[in-house]
Amino acid sequence: MKFIVFSDLHVEDYPSYNKAPYSRLDDTLSVLKQVFKIAAEKYAAILFAGDLVDKASSLKAHVVTDLYECFKECFNIYEDTKFFCISGNHDLTTRNLVHGEAKSIMPLFHDNFDNFYCLDTYELGYFLIKEKVQVQGVPFYDKRELWLKHLEAAKETKEQGYFNILLTHQTDTTQPRP
């Protein structure tokens, strides 16, 4: 199984960045379409490691609509392509806390497209049975100890005999520096 891995698309429409004939929104959606096209050509799944949008808490309606329509078009054209993702800090409208998960824009797409998989809340991840692959995700946390707790839970649910992939939008600062 092949994978296309990318992150930090930061879809948004900032008029101050629009220089004719370019539009930041159009450019970012064009990148997303190109990733889908390449994934389909290579028979690959897409792994997205967070920050699909720039500021989920202040997205303009037309940005959400255009992004939704872009995914709809891509999944209609490339109906076998799978899109796995994790929420980055810019995708969240609230904070991940011990007693409550953050609100993210990702479930909007997860709930509306069969091949869009937001891994924020999957304890065991998603299994590609035929390929013997397990894809897990750890969402962004402001507090390092919460991220480490979620990371440990992911390790405990790692399936033996599978190629295991972990998506996260955070740097593990616990590792010693070389």
N, C-alpha and C. Protein backbone atom coordinates (compact mmCIF):
# COMPACT_ATOMS: atom_id res chain seq x y z
N MET A 1 0.86 -1.18 0.00
CA MET A 1 0.00 0.00 0.00
C MET A 1 0.89 1.23 0.00
N LYS A 2 0.52 2.21 -0.80
CA LYS A 2 1.25 3.46 -0.88
C LYS A 2 0.45 4.56 -0.19
N PHE A 3 1.18 5.59 0.27
CA PHE A 3 0.55 6.72 0.95
C PHE A 3 1.14 8.03 0.44
N ILE A 4 0.28 9.02 0.34
CA ILE A 4 0.68 10.40 0.11
C ILE A 4 0.52 11.09 1.46
N VAL A 5 1.59 11.68 1.98
CA VAL A 5 1.56 12.30 3.30
C VAL A 5 1.77 13.80 3.16
N PHE A 6 0.88 14.59 3.78
CA PHE A 6 1.07 16.04 3.80
C PHE A 6 0.31 16.64 4.97
N SER A 7 0.57 17.91 5.24
CA SER A 7 -0.12 18.60 6.33
C SER A 7 -0.07 20.10 6.09
N ASP A 8 -0.70 20.82 6.99
CA ASP A 8 -0.62 22.28 7.05
C ASP A 8 -1.06 22.98 5.77
N LEU A 9 -2.23 22.59 5.26
CA LEU A 9 -2.77 23.25 4.08
C LEU A 9 -3.28 24.66 4.42
N HIS A 10 -3.86 24.83 5.59
CA HIS A 10 -4.32 26.13 6.09
C HIS A 10 -5.26 26.82 5.10
N VAL A 11 -6.33 26.13 4.71
CA VAL A 11 -7.31 26.70 3.78
C VAL A 11 -7.97 27.91 4.44
N GLU A 12 -7.97 29.01 3.72
CA GLU A 12 -8.60 30.26 4.17
C GLU A 12 -8.62 31.22 3.00
N ASP A 13 -9.38 32.27 3.13
CA ASP A 13 -9.45 33.30 2.10
C ASP A 13 -9.06 34.63 2.74
N TYR A 14 -7.81 35.01 2.55
CA TYR A 14 -7.32 36.30 3.04
C TYR A 14 -7.15 37.22 1.85
N PRO A 15 -8.06 38.17 1.67
CA PRO A 15 -7.96 39.07 0.51
C PRO A 15 -6.60 39.75 0.38
N SER A 16 -5.94 40.03 1.49
CA SER A 16 -4.65 40.72 1.40
C SER A 16 -3.57 39.85 0.76
N TYR A 17 -3.79 38.53 0.72
CA TYR A 17 -2.83 37.63 0.06
C TYR A 17 -3.19 37.35 -1.39
N ASN A 18 -4.33 37.82 -1.82
CA ASN A 18 -4.77 37.57 -3.19
C ASN A 18 -4.10 38.56 -4.13
N LYS A 19 -3.27 38.04 -5.00
CA LYS A 19 -2.60 38.86 -6.01
C LYS A 19 -3.06 38.35 -7.36
N ALA A 20 -3.80 39.17 -8.10
CA ALA A 20 -4.37 38.75 -9.38
C ALA A 20 -3.29 38.09 -10.23
N PRO A 21 -3.57 36.98 -10.86
CA PRO A 21 -4.84 36.26 -10.92
C PRO A 21 -4.97 35.18 -9.85
N TYR A 22 -4.19 35.25 -8.79
CA TYR A 22 -4.17 34.18 -7.78
C TYR A 22 -5.06 34.51 -6.58
N SER A 23 -5.61 33.48 -6.00
CA SER A 23 -6.40 33.58 -4.79
C SER A 23 -5.88 32.52 -3.83
N ARG A 24 -5.64 32.90 -2.59
CA ARG A 24 -5.14 31.93 -1.62
C ARG A 24 -6.11 30.76 -1.49
N LEU A 25 -7.40 31.05 -1.42
CA LEU A 25 -8.39 29.98 -1.30
C LEU A 25 -8.33 29.05 -2.50
N ASP A 26 -8.34 29.61 -3.69
CA ASP A 26 -8.28 28.78 -4.90
C ASP A 26 -6.98 27.97 -4.95
N ASP A 27 -5.88 28.59 -4.56
CA ASP A 27 -4.59 27.89 -4.58
C ASP A 27 -4.58 26.70 -3.63
N THR A 28 -5.10 26.88 -2.42
CA THR A 28 -5.08 25.77 -1.46
C THR A 28 -6.02 24.65 -1.90
N LEU A 29 -7.17 25.01 -2.47
CA LEU A 29 -8.08 23.97 -2.96
C LEU A 29 -7.49 23.26 -4.16
N SER A 30 -6.74 23.96 -4.97
CA SER A 30 -6.05 23.36 -6.11
C SER A 30 -5.02 22.33 -5.63
N VAL A 31 -4.30 22.66 -4.56
CA VAL A 31 -3.34 21.71 -3.99
C VAL A 31 -4.06 20.44 -3.54
N LEU A 32 -5.19 20.60 -2.87
CA LEU A 32 -5.96 19.45 -2.40
C LEU A 32 -6.39 18.57 -3.59
N LYS A 33 -6.85 19.20 -4.65
CA LYS A 33 -7.25 18.44 -5.85
C LYS A 33 -6.06 17.71 -6.46
N GLN A 34 -4.91 18.34 -6.48
CA GLN A 34 -3.71 17.70 -7.02
C GLN A 34 -3.28 16.50 -6.18
N VAL A 35 -3.39 16.63 -4.87
CA VAL A 35 -3.05 15.50 -3.99
C VAL A 35 -3.97 14.32 -4.28
N PHE A 36 -5.26 14.56 -4.42
CA PHE A 36 -6.20 13.49 -4.75
C PHE A 36 -5.85 12.86 -6.10
N LYS A 37 -5.52 13.69 -7.07
CA LYS A 37 -5.18 13.17 -8.41
C LYS A 37 -3.94 12.28 -8.34
N ILE A 38 -2.91 12.74 -7.67
CA ILE A 38 -1.68 11.95 -7.54
C ILE A 38 -1.95 10.66 -6.77
N ALA A 39 -2.72 10.75 -5.70
CA ALA A 39 -3.05 9.55 -4.92
C ALA A 39 -3.77 8.52 -5.79
N ALA A 40 -4.70 8.96 -6.60
CA ALA A 40 -5.43 8.04 -7.48
C ALA A 40 -4.50 7.43 -8.52
N GLU A 41 -3.62 8.25 -9.09
CA GLU A 41 -2.68 7.74 -10.09
C GLU A 41 -1.72 6.71 -9.50
N LYS A 42 -1.35 6.89 -8.25
CA LYS A 42 -0.38 6.00 -7.59
C LYS A 42 -1.06 4.89 -6.79
N TYR A 43 -2.40 4.84 -6.83
CA TYR A 43 -3.16 3.88 -6.02
C TYR A 43 -2.76 3.99 -4.55
N ALA A 44 -2.75 5.23 -4.06
CA ALA A 44 -2.30 5.52 -2.70
C ALA A 44 -3.44 6.10 -1.87
N ALA A 45 -3.34 5.90 -0.57
CA ALA A 45 -4.24 6.56 0.37
C ALA A 45 -3.57 7.88 0.77
N ILE A 46 -4.37 8.81 1.26
CA ILE A 46 -3.85 10.11 1.69
C ILE A 46 -3.80 10.13 3.21
N LEU A 47 -2.67 10.54 3.76
CA LEU A 47 -2.50 10.74 5.20
C LEU A 47 -2.27 12.23 5.41
N PHE A 48 -3.17 12.87 6.15
CA PHE A 48 -3.07 14.31 6.39
C PHE A 48 -2.85 14.55 7.88
N ALA A 49 -1.75 15.21 8.22
CA ALA A 49 -1.34 15.36 9.62
C ALA A 49 -1.72 16.70 10.24
N GLY A 50 -2.85 17.25 9.88
CA GLY A 50 -3.40 18.39 10.60
C GLY A 50 -3.23 19.75 9.96
N ASP A 51 -4.06 20.67 10.44
CA ASP A 51 -4.17 22.06 9.97
C ASP A 51 -4.70 22.13 8.54
N LEU A 52 -5.87 21.54 8.35
CA LEU A 52 -6.57 21.64 7.07
C LEU A 52 -7.00 23.08 6.83
N VAL A 53 -7.49 23.74 7.87
CA VAL A 53 -7.92 25.13 7.76
C VAL A 53 -6.99 26.01 8.60
N ASP A 54 -7.10 27.32 8.39
CA ASP A 54 -6.19 28.20 9.11
C ASP A 54 -6.69 28.55 10.50
N LYS A 55 -7.95 28.90 10.65
CA LYS A 55 -8.51 29.22 11.97
C LYS A 55 -9.96 28.75 12.00
N ALA A 56 -10.17 27.54 12.46
CA ALA A 56 -11.51 26.95 12.44
C ALA A 56 -12.52 27.81 13.20
N SER A 57 -12.08 28.49 14.24
CA SER A 57 -13.01 29.27 15.06
C SER A 57 -13.51 30.53 14.35
N SER A 58 -12.87 30.91 13.24
CA SER A 58 -13.33 32.13 12.55
C SER A 58 -13.43 31.95 11.03
N LEU A 59 -13.74 30.73 10.60
CA LEU A 59 -13.87 30.49 9.16
C LEU A 59 -15.07 31.20 8.57
N LYS A 60 -14.87 31.73 7.41
CA LYS A 60 -15.97 32.36 6.67
C LYS A 60 -16.82 31.26 6.03
N ALA A 61 -18.10 31.51 5.92
CA ALA A 61 -19.03 30.51 5.38
C ALA A 61 -18.63 30.06 3.98
N HIS A 62 -18.20 30.98 3.14
CA HIS A 62 -17.85 30.59 1.77
C HIS A 62 -16.61 29.70 1.75
N VAL A 63 -15.72 29.83 2.73
CA VAL A 63 -14.54 28.96 2.79
C VAL A 63 -14.95 27.53 3.13
N VAL A 64 -15.83 27.39 4.11
CA VAL A 64 -16.32 26.05 4.48
C VAL A 64 -17.07 25.43 3.30
N THR A 65 -17.92 26.21 2.65
CA THR A 65 -18.68 25.72 1.50
C THR A 65 -17.75 25.30 0.37
N ASP A 66 -16.76 26.12 0.04
CA ASP A 66 -15.83 25.79 -1.05
C ASP A 66 -15.00 24.56 -0.71
N LEU A 67 -14.56 24.44 0.53
CA LEU A 67 -13.78 23.27 0.95
C LEU A 67 -14.64 22.01 0.88
N TYR A 68 -15.87 22.11 1.36
CA TYR A 68 -16.81 20.99 1.29
C TYR A 68 -17.03 20.56 -0.16
N GLU A 69 -17.27 21.52 -1.03
CA GLU A 69 -17.49 21.22 -2.45
C GLU A 69 -16.24 20.62 -3.10
N CYS A 70 -15.07 21.05 -2.66
CA CYS A 70 -13.83 20.50 -3.19
C CYS A 70 -13.71 19.02 -2.81
N PHE A 71 -13.97 18.70 -1.53
CA PHE A 71 -13.94 17.29 -1.12
C PHE A 71 -15.00 16.49 -1.87
N LYS A 72 -16.17 17.05 -2.03
CA LYS A 72 -17.25 16.36 -2.74
C LYS A 72 -16.82 16.03 -4.17
N GLU A 73 -16.24 17.00 -4.85
CA GLU A 73 -15.74 16.79 -6.21
C GLU A 73 -14.65 15.72 -6.24
N CYS A 74 -13.70 15.83 -5.33
CA CYS A 74 -12.59 14.87 -5.30
C CYS A 74 -13.07 13.45 -5.03
N PHE A 75 -13.97 13.27 -4.07
CA PHE A 75 -14.46 11.93 -3.77
C PHE A 75 -15.37 11.40 -4.87
N ASN A 76 -16.03 12.28 -5.63
CA ASN A 76 -16.82 11.83 -6.78
C ASN A 76 -15.92 11.36 -7.92
N ILE A 77 -14.85 12.09 -8.16
CA ILE A 77 -13.92 11.73 -9.24
C ILE A 77 -13.05 10.53 -8.85
N TYR A 78 -12.53 10.57 -7.63
CA TYR A 78 -11.59 9.55 -7.15
C TYR A 78 -12.25 8.77 -6.01
N GLU A 79 -13.31 8.04 -6.37
CA GLU A 79 -14.17 7.42 -5.36
C GLU A 79 -13.50 6.34 -4.53
N ASP A 80 -12.38 5.79 -4.97
CA ASP A 80 -11.69 4.76 -4.19
C ASP A 80 -10.59 5.33 -3.30
N THR A 81 -10.31 6.62 -3.39
CA THR A 81 -9.24 7.22 -2.60
C THR A 81 -9.71 7.43 -1.17
N LYS A 82 -8.86 7.01 -0.23
CA LYS A 82 -9.14 7.18 1.19
C LYS A 82 -8.32 8.34 1.73
N PHE A 83 -8.96 9.17 2.58
CA PHE A 83 -8.33 10.34 3.18
C PHE A 83 -8.36 10.18 4.69
N PHE A 84 -7.20 9.92 5.29
CA PHE A 84 -7.07 9.77 6.74
C PHE A 84 -6.47 11.06 7.30
N CYS A 85 -7.01 11.53 8.42
CA CYS A 85 -6.49 12.79 8.95
C CYS A 85 -6.55 12.82 10.47
N ILE A 86 -5.86 13.79 10.99
CA ILE A 86 -5.86 14.11 12.41
C ILE A 86 -6.04 15.61 12.51
N SER A 87 -6.68 16.08 13.56
CA SER A 87 -6.87 17.52 13.73
C SER A 87 -5.60 18.16 14.26
N GLY A 88 -5.21 19.25 13.61
CA GLY A 88 -4.11 20.07 14.10
C GLY A 88 -4.67 21.20 14.95
N ASN A 89 -3.80 21.99 15.53
CA ASN A 89 -4.25 23.07 16.40
C ASN A 89 -5.13 24.09 15.68
N HIS A 90 -4.93 24.31 14.39
CA HIS A 90 -5.74 25.28 13.65
C HIS A 90 -7.12 24.72 13.27
N ASP A 91 -7.29 23.41 13.35
CA ASP A 91 -8.58 22.78 13.02
C ASP A 91 -9.54 22.78 14.21
N LEU A 92 -9.03 23.13 15.39
CA LEU A 92 -9.81 23.08 16.62
C LEU A 92 -10.43 24.43 16.95
N THR A 93 -11.67 24.39 17.46
CA THR A 93 -12.31 25.63 17.91
C THR A 93 -12.29 25.74 19.42
N THR A 94 -11.95 24.64 20.09
CA THR A 94 -11.79 24.63 21.55
C THR A 94 -10.52 23.84 21.85
N ARG A 95 -10.19 23.69 23.11
CA ARG A 95 -8.98 22.98 23.51
C ARG A 95 -9.29 21.55 23.93
N ASN A 96 -8.36 20.62 23.66
CA ASN A 96 -8.47 19.26 24.16
C ASN A 96 -8.12 19.26 25.64
N LEU A 97 -9.04 18.77 26.45
CA LEU A 97 -8.84 18.74 27.90
C LEU A 97 -9.02 17.32 28.41
N VAL A 98 -8.63 17.09 29.67
CA VAL A 98 -8.75 15.77 30.27
C VAL A 98 -10.19 15.28 30.22
N HIS A 99 -11.13 16.16 30.50
CA HIS A 99 -12.54 15.75 30.61
C HIS A 99 -13.38 16.12 29.40
N GLY A 100 -12.75 16.42 28.29
CA GLY A 100 -13.54 16.74 27.12
C GLY A 100 -12.69 16.95 25.89
N GLU A 101 -13.15 16.35 24.79
CA GLU A 101 -12.44 16.49 23.53
C GLU A 101 -12.75 17.84 22.90
N ALA A 102 -11.78 18.35 22.19
CA ALA A 102 -11.94 19.62 21.49
C ALA A 102 -12.94 19.48 20.34
N LYS A 103 -13.53 20.59 20.00
CA LYS A 103 -14.38 20.64 18.81
C LYS A 103 -13.48 20.94 17.62
N SER A 104 -13.69 20.19 16.54
CA SER A 104 -12.86 20.31 15.35
C SER A 104 -13.75 20.39 14.12
N ILE A 105 -13.21 20.95 13.05
CA ILE A 105 -13.94 21.00 11.79
C ILE A 105 -13.95 19.64 11.09
N MET A 106 -13.00 18.78 11.43
CA MET A 106 -12.84 17.51 10.71
C MET A 106 -14.08 16.60 10.72
N PRO A 107 -14.82 16.49 11.83
CA PRO A 107 -16.01 15.63 11.80
C PRO A 107 -17.05 16.03 10.76
N LEU A 108 -17.09 17.30 10.37
CA LEU A 108 -18.01 17.72 9.30
C LEU A 108 -17.77 16.90 8.05
N PHE A 109 -16.51 16.71 7.69
CA PHE A 109 -16.17 15.96 6.49
C PHE A 109 -16.24 14.45 6.74
N HIS A 110 -15.82 14.04 7.92
CA HIS A 110 -15.88 12.62 8.31
C HIS A 110 -17.32 12.11 8.25
N ASP A 111 -18.25 12.91 8.72
CA ASP A 111 -19.66 12.50 8.78
C ASP A 111 -20.36 12.55 7.42
N ASN A 112 -19.76 13.22 6.44
CA ASN A 112 -20.42 13.41 5.15
C ASN A 112 -19.78 12.68 3.97
N PHE A 113 -18.57 12.16 4.16
CA PHE A 113 -17.89 11.47 3.07
C PHE A 113 -17.39 10.11 3.55
N ASP A 114 -17.80 9.05 2.83
CA ASP A 114 -17.48 7.69 3.24
C ASP A 114 -15.98 7.41 3.34
N ASN A 115 -15.18 8.05 2.53
CA ASN A 115 -13.74 7.77 2.51
C ASN A 115 -12.91 8.83 3.22
N PHE A 116 -13.54 9.63 4.06
CA PHE A 116 -12.84 10.62 4.88
C PHE A 116 -12.84 10.11 6.31
N TYR A 117 -11.65 9.86 6.85
CA TYR A 117 -11.52 9.27 8.18
C TYR A 117 -10.77 10.21 9.12
N CYS A 118 -11.49 10.82 10.03
CA CYS A 118 -10.87 11.65 11.07
C CYS A 118 -10.53 10.72 12.22
N LEU A 119 -9.25 10.59 12.52
CA LEU A 119 -8.77 9.61 13.50
C LEU A 119 -8.69 10.17 14.92
N ASP A 120 -9.21 11.34 15.16
CA ASP A 120 -9.12 11.96 16.49
C ASP A 120 -9.70 11.08 17.59
N THR A 121 -10.80 10.42 17.32
CA THR A 121 -11.50 9.70 18.38
C THR A 121 -11.50 8.18 18.21
N TYR A 122 -10.80 7.67 17.21
CA TYR A 122 -10.72 6.22 17.03
C TYR A 122 -9.68 5.66 18.00
N GLU A 123 -10.12 4.89 18.98
CA GLU A 123 -9.17 4.32 19.93
C GLU A 123 -8.21 3.34 19.27
N LEU A 124 -8.72 2.50 18.41
CA LEU A 124 -7.88 1.49 17.78
C LEU A 124 -7.38 1.93 16.41
N GLY A 125 -7.84 3.06 15.93
CA GLY A 125 -7.45 3.49 14.60
C GLY A 125 -8.33 2.86 13.54
N TYR A 126 -7.87 2.93 12.33
CA TYR A 126 -8.60 2.37 11.20
C TYR A 126 -7.76 1.27 10.58
N PHE A 127 -8.38 0.16 10.27
CA PHE A 127 -7.67 -0.98 9.73
C PHE A 127 -7.93 -1.14 8.23
N LEU A 128 -6.86 -1.24 7.48
CA LEU A 128 -6.94 -1.62 6.08
C LEU A 128 -6.60 -3.11 6.08
N ILE A 129 -7.62 -3.94 6.22
CA ILE A 129 -7.46 -5.37 6.48
C ILE A 129 -6.64 -6.06 5.38
N LYS A 130 -7.01 -5.84 4.14
CA LYS A 130 -6.34 -6.52 3.03
C LYS A 130 -4.85 -6.18 2.99
N GLU A 131 -4.51 -4.94 3.32
CA GLU A 131 -3.12 -4.49 3.26
C GLU A 131 -2.37 -4.71 4.56
N LYS A 132 -3.08 -5.15 5.61
CA LYS A 132 -2.48 -5.36 6.94
C LYS A 132 -1.86 -4.07 7.47
N VAL A 133 -2.63 -2.97 7.40
CA VAL A 133 -2.18 -1.66 7.86
C VAL A 133 -3.16 -1.14 8.91
N GLN A 134 -2.62 -0.59 9.98
CA GLN A 134 -3.41 0.09 11.00
C GLN A 134 -2.98 1.55 11.03
N VAL A 135 -3.93 2.47 10.85
CA VAL A 135 -3.63 3.90 10.89
C VAL A 135 -4.27 4.47 12.15
N GLN A 136 -3.46 5.05 13.02
CA GLN A 136 -3.96 5.65 14.25
C GLN A 136 -3.64 7.13 14.28
N GLY A 137 -4.32 7.86 15.14
CA GLY A 137 -4.07 9.29 15.24
C GLY A 137 -4.10 9.78 16.67
N VAL A 138 -3.28 10.76 16.94
CA VAL A 138 -3.28 11.46 18.22
C VAL A 138 -3.52 12.94 17.90
N PRO A 139 -4.66 13.49 18.33
CA PRO A 139 -4.95 14.88 18.00
C PRO A 139 -4.03 15.84 18.74
N PHE A 140 -4.07 17.10 18.35
CA PHE A 140 -3.24 18.13 18.98
C PHE A 140 -3.73 18.39 20.40
N TYR A 141 -2.80 18.53 21.31
CA TYR A 141 -3.09 18.90 22.70
C TYR A 141 -2.21 20.08 23.09
N ASP A 142 -2.80 21.05 23.81
CA ASP A 142 -2.02 22.17 24.34
C ASP A 142 -1.08 21.69 25.45
N LYS A 143 -1.53 20.73 26.21
CA LYS A 143 -0.76 20.20 27.34
C LYS A 143 -0.03 18.93 26.92
N ARG A 144 1.29 18.96 27.04
CA ARG A 144 2.13 17.85 26.62
C ARG A 144 1.74 16.54 27.31
N GLU A 145 1.40 16.61 28.60
CA GLU A 145 1.08 15.38 29.34
C GLU A 145 -0.18 14.71 28.80
N LEU A 146 -1.14 15.49 28.28
CA LEU A 146 -2.34 14.90 27.68
C LEU A 146 -2.00 14.21 26.36
N TRP A 147 -1.13 14.84 25.59
CA TRP A 147 -0.68 14.23 24.34
C TRP A 147 0.05 12.92 24.62
N LEU A 148 0.93 12.91 25.63
CA LEU A 148 1.66 11.70 25.98
C LEU A 148 0.72 10.59 26.44
N LYS A 149 -0.32 10.95 27.19
CA LYS A 149 -1.31 9.97 27.64
C LYS A 149 -2.02 9.33 26.44
N HIS A 150 -2.43 10.16 25.48
CA HIS A 150 -3.10 9.65 24.28
C HIS A 150 -2.13 8.80 23.45
N LEU A 151 -0.87 9.22 23.39
CA LEU A 151 0.15 8.47 22.67
C LEU A 151 0.34 7.09 23.28
N GLU A 152 0.39 7.01 24.59
CA GLU A 152 0.52 5.72 25.28
C GLU A 152 -0.68 4.82 24.99
N ALA A 153 -1.87 5.40 24.98
CA ALA A 153 -3.08 4.62 24.66
C ALA A 153 -2.99 4.06 23.25
N ALA A 154 -2.45 4.86 22.31
CA ALA A 154 -2.29 4.39 20.93
C ALA A 154 -1.30 3.22 20.88
N LYS A 155 -0.23 3.31 21.64
CA LYS A 155 0.75 2.22 21.68
C LYS A 155 0.13 0.93 22.20
N GLU A 156 -0.74 1.05 23.20
CA GLU A 156 -1.38 -0.12 23.80
C GLU A 156 -2.35 -0.81 22.84
N THR A 157 -2.90 -0.07 21.90
CA THR A 157 -3.87 -0.65 20.97
C THR A 157 -3.24 -1.00 19.63
N LYS A 158 -1.93 -0.91 19.55
CA LYS A 158 -1.20 -1.27 18.33
C LYS A 158 -1.43 -2.76 18.04
N GLU A 159 -1.85 -3.04 16.83
CA GLU A 159 -2.18 -4.41 16.45
C GLU A 159 -0.94 -5.14 15.93
N GLN A 160 -0.63 -6.26 16.54
CA GLN A 160 0.52 -7.06 16.11
C GLN A 160 0.25 -7.65 14.73
N GLY A 161 1.28 -7.74 13.91
CA GLY A 161 1.15 -8.30 12.58
C GLY A 161 0.71 -7.29 11.53
N TYR A 162 0.46 -6.07 11.96
CA TYR A 162 0.06 -5.00 11.04
C TYR A 162 1.19 -3.99 10.93
N PHE A 163 1.28 -3.33 9.78
CA PHE A 163 2.14 -2.18 9.63
C PHE A 163 1.38 -1.04 10.28
N ASN A 164 1.96 -0.43 11.30
CA ASN A 164 1.27 0.59 12.08
C ASN A 164 1.74 1.99 11.71
N ILE A 165 0.78 2.88 11.45
CA ILE A 165 1.07 4.27 11.12
C ILE A 165 0.41 5.14 12.18
N LEU A 166 1.16 6.10 12.70
CA LEU A 166 0.61 7.03 13.68
C LEU A 166 0.66 8.44 13.10
N LEU A 167 -0.50 9.10 13.03
CA LEU A 167 -0.57 10.49 12.60
C LEU A 167 -0.70 11.39 13.83
N THR A 168 0.10 12.42 13.89
CA THR A 168 -0.03 13.42 14.94
C THR A 168 0.43 14.75 14.38
N HIS A 169 -0.02 15.82 15.01
CA HIS A 169 0.34 17.16 14.55
C HIS A 169 1.28 17.82 15.56
N GLN A 170 1.87 17.04 16.39
CA GLN A 170 2.64 17.56 17.49
C GLN A 170 4.04 16.97 17.48
N THR A 171 5.02 17.74 17.91
CA THR A 171 6.38 17.23 18.04
C THR A 171 6.55 16.65 19.42
N ASP A 172 7.12 15.46 19.47
CA ASP A 172 7.38 14.83 20.77
C ASP A 172 8.67 15.39 21.33
N THR A 173 8.55 16.30 22.27
CA THR A 173 9.74 16.93 22.86
C THR A 173 10.32 16.10 23.99
N THR A 174 9.81 14.88 24.19
CA THR A 174 10.31 14.05 25.28
C THR A 174 11.55 13.26 24.85
N GLN A 175 11.80 13.17 23.57
CA GLN A 175 12.95 12.40 23.09
C GLN A 175 14.23 13.17 23.31
N PRO A 176 15.31 12.49 23.70
CA PRO A 176 16.58 13.20 23.87
C PRO A 176 17.09 13.70 22.53
N ARG A 177 17.71 14.86 22.55
CA ARG A 177 18.28 15.45 21.35
C ARG A 177 19.62 14.78 21.03
N PRO A 178 19.93 14.53 19.73
CA PRO A 178 21.22 13.92 19.39
C PRO A 178 22.38 14.89 19.66
